């Protein structure tokens, strides 16, 4: 029974992360990276300090 709860929790958080990455213009695969320990910390650093695709598109449209 606990394995079902863990699997459902991972599926839920995977879905949440894929939606977040999709909304900012990244591919959904980044959301699955967030489920991998240690690699998720690297992904958060990349996510925090890079120019988001949605920001780049907004800059292009304003110019």
Protein backbone atom coordinates (compact mmCIF):
# COMPACT_ATOMS: atom_id res chain seq x y z
CA UNK A 1 0.00 0.00 0.00
CA UNK A 2 2.75 2.58 0.76
CA UNK A 3 4.24 1.94 -2.68
CA UNK A 4 1.01 3.07 -4.30
CA UNK A 5 1.08 6.29 -2.28
CA UNK A 6 4.70 6.94 -3.28
CA UNK A 7 3.94 6.27 -6.95
CA UNK A 8 0.91 8.57 -6.88
CA UNK A 9 2.91 11.26 -5.12
CA UNK A 10 5.71 11.05 -7.70
CA UNK A 11 3.19 11.18 -10.53
CA UNK A 12 1.51 14.22 -8.98
CA UNK A 13 4.77 16.14 -8.46
CA UNK A 14 6.03 15.13 -11.88
CA UNK A 15 2.87 16.54 -13.42
CA UNK A 16 3.16 19.76 -11.40
CA UNK A 17 6.79 20.30 -12.48
CA UNK A 18 6.07 19.51 -16.12
CA UNK A 19 3.29 22.11 -16.12
CA UNK A 20 5.59 24.74 -14.58
CA UNK A 21 8.37 24.14 -17.09
CA UNK A 22 5.89 24.10 -19.96
CA UNK A 23 4.43 27.46 -18.91
CA UNK A 24 7.81 29.18 -18.95
CA UNK A 25 8.67 27.78 -22.37
CA UNK A 26 10.88 24.79 -21.57
CA UNK A 27 10.20 21.26 -22.69
CA UNK A 28 8.17 19.00 -20.38
CA UNK A 29 11.15 16.68 -19.93
CA UNK A 30 12.66 19.16 -17.47
CA UNK A 31 9.77 18.30 -15.15
CA UNK A 32 10.86 14.68 -15.03
CA UNK A 33 14.41 15.76 -14.20
CA UNK A 34 13.00 17.30 -11.02
CA UNK A 35 12.16 13.80 -9.77
CA UNK A 36 15.84 12.71 -9.83
CA UNK A 37 17.69 13.50 -6.59
CA UNK A 38 20.72 15.81 -6.92
CA UNK A 39 19.96 16.40 -10.60
CA UNK A 40 16.92 18.37 -9.48
CA UNK A 41 19.20 20.82 -7.66
CA UNK A 42 21.22 21.36 -10.83
CA UNK A 43 17.99 21.87 -12.78
CA UNK A 44 16.80 24.48 -10.28
CA UNK A 45 20.06 26.42 -10.62
CA UNK A 46 19.79 26.33 -14.42
CA UNK A 47 16.13 27.28 -14.16
CA UNK A 48 16.84 30.20 -11.82
CA UNK A 49 19.80 31.78 -13.62
CA UNK A 50 19.06 31.25 -17.31
CA UNK A 51 16.95 33.41 -19.58
CA UNK A 52 13.60 31.69 -19.92
CA UNK A 53 12.31 31.10 -23.44
CA UNK A 54 9.19 33.09 -22.62
CA UNK A 55 11.36 36.05 -21.56
CA UNK A 56 13.40 35.86 -24.77
CA UNK A 57 10.22 35.83 -26.85
CA UNK A 58 8.84 38.81 -24.95
CA UNK A 59 12.06 40.76 -25.59
CA UNK A 60 11.87 39.95 -29.31
CA UNK A 61 8.27 41.13 -29.48
CA UNK A 62 9.02 44.40 -27.66
CA UNK A 63 11.86 45.32 -30.07
